[in-house]
PDB file of all heavy atoms in Angstrom:
ATOM      1  N   ALA A   1     100.155 139.835  -7.515  1.00  0.00           N
ATOM      2  CA  ALA A   1     101.509 140.076  -6.960  1.00  0.00           C
ATOM      3  C   ALA A   1     102.269 138.762  -7.095  1.00  0.00           C
ATOM      4  O   ALA A   1     101.768 137.776  -7.654  1.00  0.00           O
ATOM      5  CB  ALA A   1     101.414 140.424  -5.458  1.00  0.00           C
ATOM      6  N   THR A   2     103.540 138.751  -6.619  1.00  0.00           N
ATOM      7  CA  THR A   2     104.355 137.564  -6.754  1.00  0.00           C
ATOM      8  C   THR A   2     103.739 136.445  -5.873  1.00  0.00           C
ATOM      9  O   THR A   2     103.527 135.324  -6.364  1.00  0.00           O
ATOM     10  CB  THR A   2     105.800 137.838  -6.367  1.00  0.00           C
ATOM     11  OG1 THR A   2     106.282 138.868  -7.185  1.00  0.00           O
ATOM     12  CG2 THR A   2     106.643 136.583  -6.556  1.00  0.00           C
ATOM     13  N   PHE A   3     103.551 136.714  -4.594  1.00  0.00           N
ATOM     14  CA  PHE A   3     103.131 135.715  -3.635  1.00  0.00           C
ATOM     15  C   PHE A   3     101.781 136.018  -2.980  1.00  0.00           C
ATOM     16  O   PHE A   3     101.442 137.198  -2.784  1.00  0.00           O
ATOM     17  CB  PHE A   3     104.178 135.512  -2.544  1.00  0.00           C
ATOM     18  CG  PHE A   3     105.531 135.057  -2.996  1.00  0.00           C
ATOM     19  CD1 PHE A   3     106.562 135.962  -3.048  1.00  0.00           C
ATOM     20  CD2 PHE A   3     105.731 133.791  -3.432  1.00  0.00           C
ATOM     21  CE1 PHE A   3     107.867 135.553  -3.492  1.00  0.00           C
ATOM     22  CE2 PHE A   3     106.955 133.393  -3.844  1.00  0.00           C
ATOM     23  CZ  PHE A   3     108.038 134.256  -3.907  1.00  0.00           C
ATOM     24  N   ASN A   4     101.116 134.989  -2.525  1.00  0.00           N
ATOM     25  CA  ASN A   4     100.036 135.143  -1.549  1.00  0.00           C
ATOM     26  C   ASN A   4     100.709 135.552  -0.228  1.00  0.00           C
ATOM     27  O   ASN A   4     101.676 134.915   0.177  1.00  0.00           O
ATOM     28  CB  ASN A   4      99.273 133.840  -1.346  1.00  0.00           C
ATOM     29  CG  ASN A   4      98.309 133.556  -2.506  1.00  0.00           C
ATOM     30  OD1 ASN A   4      97.989 134.429  -3.313  1.00  0.00           O
ATOM     31  ND2 ASN A   4      97.818 132.341  -2.587  1.00  0.00           N
ATOM     32  N   GLU A   5     100.169 136.592   0.424  1.00  0.00           N
ATOM     33  CA  GLU A   5     100.805 137.158   1.613  1.00  0.00           C
ATOM     34  C   GLU A   5      99.862 137.038   2.809  1.00  0.00           C
ATOM     35  O   GLU A   5      98.809 137.693   2.872  1.00  0.00           O
ATOM     36  CB  GLU A   5     101.211 138.581   1.358  1.00  0.00           C
ATOM     37  CG  GLU A   5     102.192 138.736   0.201  1.00  0.00           C
ATOM     38  CD  GLU A   5     102.385 140.218  -0.203  1.00  0.00           C
ATOM     39  OE1 GLU A   5     102.749 141.039   0.675  1.00  0.00           O
ATOM     40  OE2 GLU A   5     102.199 140.514  -1.399  1.00  0.00           O
ATOM     41  N   ASP A   6     100.278 136.226   3.806  1.00  0.00           N
ATOM     42  CA  ASP A   6      99.379 135.864   4.874  1.00  0.00           C
ATOM     43  C   ASP A   6      99.229 136.881   5.996  1.00  0.00           C
ATOM     44  O   ASP A   6      98.383 136.763   6.848  1.00  0.00           O
ATOM     45  CB  ASP A   6      99.737 134.515   5.495  1.00  0.00           C
ATOM     46  CG  ASP A   6     101.095 134.574   6.264  1.00  0.00           C
ATOM     47  OD1 ASP A   6     101.857 135.545   6.050  1.00  0.00           O
ATOM     48  OD2 ASP A   6     101.370 133.592   7.032  1.00  0.00           O
ATOM     49  N   LEU A   7      99.995 137.985   5.939  1.00  0.00           N
ATOM     50  CA  LEU A   7      99.861 139.029   6.969  1.00  0.00           C
ATOM     51  C   LEU A   7      98.957 140.170   6.492  1.00  0.00           C
ATOM     52  O   LEU A   7      98.749 141.129   7.229  1.00  0.00           O
ATOM     53  CB  LEU A   7     101.236 139.552   7.362  1.00  0.00           C
ATOM     54  CG  LEU A   7     102.165 138.572   8.042  1.00  0.00           C
ATOM     55  CD1 LEU A   7     103.497 139.247   8.428  1.00  0.00           C
ATOM     56  CD2 LEU A   7     101.523 137.910   9.249  1.00  0.00           C
ATOM     57  N   LYS A   8      98.438 140.021   5.305  1.00  0.00           N
ATOM     58  CA  LYS A   8      97.441 141.001   4.818  1.00  0.00           C
ATOM     59  C   LYS A   8      96.092 140.675   5.437  1.00  0.00           C
ATOM     60  O   LYS A   8      95.876 139.604   6.048  1.00  0.00           O
ATOM     61  CB  LYS A   8      97.390 140.997   3.298  1.00  0.00           C
ATOM     62  CG  LYS A   8      98.626 141.586   2.663  1.00  0.00           C
ATOM     63  CD  LYS A   8      98.395 141.858   1.205  1.00  0.00           C
ATOM     64  CE  LYS A   8      99.482 142.746   0.625  1.00  0.00           C
ATOM     65  NZ  LYS A   8      99.204 143.170  -0.763  1.00  0.00           N
ATOM     66  N   ALA A   9      95.126 141.548   5.225  1.00  0.00           N
ATOM     67  CA  ALA A   9      93.767 141.311   5.745  1.00  0.00           C
ATOM     68  C   ALA A   9      93.208 140.007   5.178  1.00  0.00           C
ATOM     69  O   ALA A   9      93.456 139.686   4.024  1.00  0.00           O
ATOM     70  CB  ALA A   9      92.855 142.480   5.354  1.00  0.00           C
ATOM     71  N   GLU A  10      92.534 139.278   6.000  1.00  0.00           N
ATOM     72  CA  GLU A  10      91.922 138.013   5.565  1.00  0.00           C
ATOM     73  C   GLU A  10      90.961 138.207   4.376  1.00  0.00           C
ATOM     74  O   GLU A  10      90.329 139.244   4.273  1.00  0.00           O
ATOM     75  CB  GLU A  10      91.234 137.332   6.698  1.00  0.00           C
ATOM     76  CG  GLU A  10      92.134 136.794   7.811  1.00  0.00           C
ATOM     77  CD  GLU A  10      91.399 136.003   8.851  1.00  0.00           C
ATOM     78  OE1 GLU A  10      90.196 135.708   8.626  1.00  0.00           O
ATOM     79  OE2 GLU A  10      91.981 135.686   9.895  1.00  0.00           O
ATOM     80  N   GLY A  11      90.935 137.197   3.532  1.00  0.00           N
ATOM     81  CA  GLY A  11      90.047 137.262   2.391  1.00  0.00           C
ATOM     82  C   GLY A  11      90.841 137.475   1.107  1.00  0.00           C
ATOM     83  O   GLY A  11      91.923 136.944   0.942  1.00  0.00           O
ATOM     84  N   ILE A  12      90.320 138.293   0.206  1.00  0.00           N
ATOM     85  CA  ILE A  12      90.921 138.411  -1.106  1.00  0.00           C
ATOM     86  C   ILE A  12      92.314 138.995  -1.007  1.00  0.00           C
ATOM     87  O   ILE A  12      93.193 138.680  -1.854  1.00  0.00           O
ATOM     88  CB  ILE A  12      90.071 139.256  -2.048  1.00  0.00           C
ATOM     89  CG1 ILE A  12      89.863 140.681  -1.487  1.00  0.00           C
ATOM     90  CG2 ILE A  12      88.741 138.601  -2.293  1.00  0.00           C
ATOM     91  CD1 ILE A  12      89.282 141.686  -2.443  1.00  0.00           C
ATOM     92  N   GLU A  13      92.582 139.895  -0.075  1.00  0.00           N
ATOM     93  CA  GLU A  13      93.880 140.563   0.013  1.00  0.00           C
ATOM     94  C   GLU A  13      95.005 139.598   0.198  1.00  0.00           C
ATOM     95  O   GLU A  13      96.184 139.859  -0.217  1.00  0.00           O
ATOM     96  CB  GLU A  13      93.912 141.584   1.130  1.00  0.00           C
ATOM     97  CG  GLU A  13      93.002 142.796   0.903  1.00  0.00           C
ATOM     98  CD  GLU A  13      93.428 143.654  -0.283  1.00  0.00           C
ATOM     99  OE1 GLU A  13      94.668 143.633  -0.604  1.00  0.00           O
ATOM    100  OE2 GLU A  13      92.574 144.296  -0.878  1.00  0.00           O
ATOM    101  N   GLN A  14      94.738 138.384   0.742  1.00  0.00           N
ATOM    102  CA  GLN A  14      95.802 137.404   0.908  1.00  0.00           C
ATOM    103  C   GLN A  14      95.984 136.534  -0.308  1.00  0.00           C
ATOM    104  O   GLN A  14      96.874 135.661  -0.270  1.00  0.00           O
ATOM    105  CB  GLN A  14      95.425 136.512   2.145  1.00  0.00           C
ATOM    106  CG  GLN A  14      95.460 137.241   3.487  1.00  0.00           C
ATOM    107  CD  GLN A  14      95.145 136.292   4.635  1.00  0.00           C
ATOM    108  OE1 GLN A  14      94.731 135.136   4.411  1.00  0.00           O
ATOM    109  NE2 GLN A  14      95.383 136.714   5.860  1.00  0.00           N
ATOM    110  N   ASN A  15      95.197 136.754  -1.348  1.00  0.00           N
ATOM    111  CA  ASN A  15      95.160 135.787  -2.418  1.00  0.00           C
ATOM    112  C   ASN A  15      95.330 136.359  -3.828  1.00  0.00           C
ATOM    113  O   ASN A  15      94.718 135.859  -4.772  1.00  0.00           O
ATOM    114  CB  ASN A  15      93.791 135.036  -2.330  1.00  0.00           C
ATOM    115  CG  ASN A  15      93.724 134.145  -1.095  1.00  0.00           C
ATOM    116  OD1 ASN A  15      94.353 133.099  -1.013  1.00  0.00           O
ATOM    117  ND2 ASN A  15      92.960 134.630  -0.144  1.00  0.00           N
ATOM    118  N   PHE A  16      96.171 137.338  -3.934  1.00  0.00           N
ATOM    119  CA  PHE A  16      96.492 137.912  -5.257  1.00  0.00           C
ATOM    120  C   PHE A  16      97.701 137.295  -5.883  1.00  0.00           C
ATOM    121  O   PHE A  16      98.073 137.651  -7.038  1.00  0.00           O
ATOM    122  CB  PHE A  16      96.662 139.421  -5.174  1.00  0.00           C
ATOM    123  CG  PHE A  16      95.382 140.238  -5.302  1.00  0.00           C
ATOM    124  CD1 PHE A  16      94.657 140.566  -4.128  1.00  0.00           C
ATOM    125  CD2 PHE A  16      94.873 140.587  -6.485  1.00  0.00           C
ATOM    126  CE1 PHE A  16      93.514 141.298  -4.246  1.00  0.00           C
ATOM    127  CE2 PHE A  16      93.688 141.337  -6.595  1.00  0.00           C
ATOM    128  CZ  PHE A  16      92.991 141.684  -5.471  1.00  0.00           C
ATOM    129  N   GLY A  17      98.446 136.457  -5.189  1.00  0.00           N
ATOM    130  CA  GLY A  17      99.697 135.992  -5.667  1.00  0.00           C
ATOM    131  C   GLY A  17      99.588 134.994  -6.832  1.00  0.00           C
ATOM    132  O   GLY A  17      98.661 134.257  -6.996  1.00  0.00           O
ATOM    133  N   LEU A  18     100.655 135.018  -7.669  1.00  0.00           N
ATOM    134  CA  LEU A  18     100.843 134.013  -8.715  1.00  0.00           C
ATOM    135  C   LEU A  18     101.455 132.768  -8.144  1.00  0.00           C
ATOM    136  O   LEU A  18     101.344 131.687  -8.755  1.00  0.00           O
ATOM    137  CB  LEU A  18     101.710 134.534  -9.817  1.00  0.00           C
ATOM    138  CG  LEU A  18     101.315 135.864 -10.525  1.00  0.00           C
ATOM    139  CD1 LEU A  18     102.207 136.116 -11.756  1.00  0.00           C
ATOM    140  CD2 LEU A  18      99.867 135.806 -10.959  1.00  0.00           C
ATOM    141  N   PHE A  19     102.108 132.890  -6.990  1.00  0.00           N
ATOM    142  CA  PHE A  19     102.819 131.779  -6.355  1.00  0.00           C
ATOM    143  C   PHE A  19     102.400 131.699  -4.889  1.00  0.00           C
ATOM    144  O   PHE A  19     102.110 132.682  -4.231  1.00  0.00           O
ATOM    145  CB  PHE A  19     104.320 131.959  -6.453  1.00  0.00           C
ATOM    146  CG  PHE A  19     104.841 131.922  -7.846  1.00  0.00           C
ATOM    147  CD1 PHE A  19     104.961 133.110  -8.558  1.00  0.00           C
ATOM    148  CD2 PHE A  19     105.175 130.757  -8.447  1.00  0.00           C
ATOM    149  CE1 PHE A  19     105.471 133.107  -9.879  1.00  0.00           C
ATOM    150  CE2 PHE A  19     105.670 130.721  -9.743  1.00  0.00           C
ATOM    151  CZ  PHE A  19     105.812 131.883 -10.472  1.00  0.00           C
ATOM    152  N   PHE A  20     102.412 130.449  -4.378  1.00  0.00           N
ATOM    153  CA  PHE A  20     102.340 130.225  -2.969  1.00  0.00           C
ATOM    154  C   PHE A  20     103.716 130.501  -2.349  1.00  0.00           C
ATOM    155  O   PHE A  20     104.732 130.566  -3.089  1.00  0.00           O
ATOM    156  CB  PHE A  20     101.945 128.773  -2.648  1.00  0.00           C
ATOM    157  CG  PHE A  20     100.532 128.447  -3.113  1.00  0.00           C
ATOM    158  CD1 PHE A  20     100.364 127.627  -4.241  1.00  0.00           C
ATOM    159  CD2 PHE A  20      99.446 128.898  -2.425  1.00  0.00           C
ATOM    160  CE1 PHE A  20      99.033 127.281  -4.648  1.00  0.00           C
ATOM    161  CE2 PHE A  20      98.118 128.590  -2.824  1.00  0.00           C
ATOM    162  CZ  PHE A  20      97.939 127.778  -3.947  1.00  0.00           C
ATOM    163  N   PRO A  21     103.801 130.684  -1.019  1.00  0.00           N
ATOM    164  CA  PRO A  21     105.095 130.930  -0.430  1.00  0.00           C
ATOM    165  C   PRO A  21     106.153 129.873  -0.682  1.00  0.00           C
ATOM    166  O   PRO A  21     107.328 130.140  -0.630  1.00  0.00           O
ATOM    167  CB  PRO A  21     104.773 131.047   1.051  1.00  0.00           C
ATOM    168  CG  PRO A  21     103.379 131.593   1.064  1.00  0.00           C
ATOM    169  CD  PRO A  21     102.697 130.863  -0.047  1.00  0.00           C
ATOM    170  N   ASN A  22     105.709 128.651  -0.985  1.00  0.00           N
ATOM    171  CA  ASN A  22     106.713 127.596  -1.266  1.00  0.00           C
ATOM    172  C   ASN A  22     107.155 127.609  -2.720  1.00  0.00           C
ATOM    173  O   ASN A  22     107.862 126.684  -3.187  1.00  0.00           O
ATOM    174  CB  ASN A  22     106.153 126.161  -0.936  1.00  0.00           C
ATOM    175  CG  ASN A  22     104.983 125.765  -1.803  1.00  0.00           C
ATOM    176  OD1 ASN A  22     104.511 126.496  -2.667  1.00  0.00           O
ATOM    177  ND2 ASN A  22     104.483 124.561  -1.548  1.00  0.00           N
ATOM    178  N   GLN A  23     106.770 128.636  -3.457  1.00  0.00           N
ATOM    179  CA  GLN A  23     107.100 128.899  -4.840  1.00  0.00           C
ATOM    180  C   GLN A  23     106.351 128.010  -5.838  1.00  0.00           C
ATOM    181  O   GLN A  23     106.670 128.052  -7.024  1.00  0.00           O
ATOM    182  CB  GLN A  23     108.617 128.790  -5.048  1.00  0.00           C
ATOM    183  CG  GLN A  23     109.427 129.796  -4.217  1.00  0.00           C
ATOM    184  CD  GLN A  23     110.891 129.750  -4.488  1.00  0.00           C
ATOM    185  OE1 GLN A  23     111.313 129.833  -5.643  1.00  0.00           O
ATOM    186  NE2 GLN A  23     111.693 129.602  -3.420  1.00  0.00           N
ATOM    187  N   ALA A  24     105.404 127.215  -5.349  1.00  0.00           N
ATOM    188  CA  ALA A  24     104.527 126.514  -6.275  1.00  0.00           C
ATOM    189  C   ALA A  24     103.588 127.511  -6.874  1.00  0.00           C
ATOM    190  O   ALA A  24     103.082 128.455  -6.226  1.00  0.00           O
ATOM    191  CB  ALA A  24     103.764 125.430  -5.509  1.00  0.00           C
ATOM    192  N   GLN A  25     103.221 127.313  -8.142  1.00  0.00           N
ATOM    193  CA  GLN A  25     102.319 128.265  -8.803  1.00  0.00           C
ATOM    194  C   GLN A  25     100.893 128.083  -8.323  1.00  0.00           C
ATOM    195  O   GLN A  25     100.418 126.949  -8.100  1.00  0.00           O
ATOM    196  CB  GLN A  25     102.389 128.068 -10.323  1.00  0.00           C
ATOM    197  CG  GLN A  25     102.041 126.667 -10.795  1.00  0.00           C
ATOM    198  CD  GLN A  25     102.175 126.528 -12.299  1.00  0.00           C
ATOM    199  OE1 GLN A  25     102.139 127.520 -13.003  1.00  0.00           O
ATOM    200  NE2 GLN A  25     102.324 125.294 -12.754  1.00  0.00           N
ATOM    201  N   VAL A  26     100.190 129.194  -8.159  1.00  0.00           N
ATOM    202  CA  VAL A  26      98.762 129.133  -7.809  1.00  0.00           C
ATOM    203  C   VAL A  26      97.987 128.698  -9.035  1.00  0.00           C
ATOM    204  O   VAL A  26      97.013 127.894  -8.953  1.00  0.00           O
ATOM    205  CB  VAL A  26      98.277 130.516  -7.292  1.00  0.00           C
ATOM    206  CG1 VAL A  26      96.813 130.485  -7.019  1.00  0.00           C
ATOM    207  CG2 VAL A  26      99.053 130.891  -6.051  1.00  0.00           C
ATOM    208  N   TYR A  27      98.397 129.197 -10.187  1.00  0.00           N
ATOM    209  CA  TYR A  27      97.826 128.858 -11.463  1.00  0.00           C
ATOM    210  C   TYR A  27      98.864 129.173 -12.529  1.00  0.00           C
ATOM    211  O   TYR A  27      99.731 130.016 -12.329  1.00  0.00           O
ATOM    212  CB  TYR A  27      96.486 129.569 -11.755  1.00  0.00           C
ATOM    213  CG  TYR A  27      96.580 131.062 -11.596  1.00  0.00           C
ATOM    214  CD1 TYR A  27      96.964 131.891 -12.660  1.00  0.00           C
ATOM    215  CD2 TYR A  27      96.230 131.686 -10.429  1.00  0.00           C
ATOM    216  CE1 TYR A  27      97.073 133.250 -12.544  1.00  0.00           C
ATOM    217  CE2 TYR A  27      96.307 133.074 -10.270  1.00  0.00           C
ATOM    218  CZ  TYR A  27      96.715 133.854 -11.339  1.00  0.00           C
ATOM    219  OH  TYR A  27      96.789 135.191 -11.190  1.00  0.00           O
ATOM    220  N   PRO A  28      98.810 128.510 -13.702  1.00  0.00           N
ATOM    221  CA  PRO A  28      99.872 128.736 -14.711  1.00  0.00           C
ATOM    222  C   PRO A  28      99.658 130.033 -15.442  1.00  0.00           C
ATOM    223  O   PRO A  28      98.499 130.427 -15.742  1.00  0.00           O
ATOM    224  CB  PRO A  28      99.701 127.527 -15.659  1.00  0.00           C
ATOM    225  CG  PRO A  28      98.298 127.099 -15.475  1.00  0.00           C
ATOM    226  CD  PRO A  28      97.933 127.363 -14.046  1.00  0.00           C
ATOM    227  N   VAL A  29     100.751 130.699 -15.760  1.00  0.00           N
ATOM    228  CA  VAL A  29     100.726 131.972 -16.508  1.00  0.00           C
ATOM    229  C   VAL A  29     101.663 131.822 -17.706  1.00  0.00           C
ATOM    230  O   VAL A  29     102.838 131.453 -17.529  1.00  0.00           O
ATOM    231  CB  VAL A  29     101.139 133.148 -15.644  1.00  0.00           C
ATOM    232  CG1 VAL A  29     101.140 134.457 -16.491  1.00  0.00           C
ATOM    233  CG2 VAL A  29     100.226 133.319 -14.414  1.00  0.00           C
TER     234      VAL A  29
END
């Protein structure tokens, strides 16, 4: 998804984002 979303279930569901909420990339694409 676009962002990691912290209100989802803890674990992998919070970590599908390409970007952190501050718009920094989680990894380059």
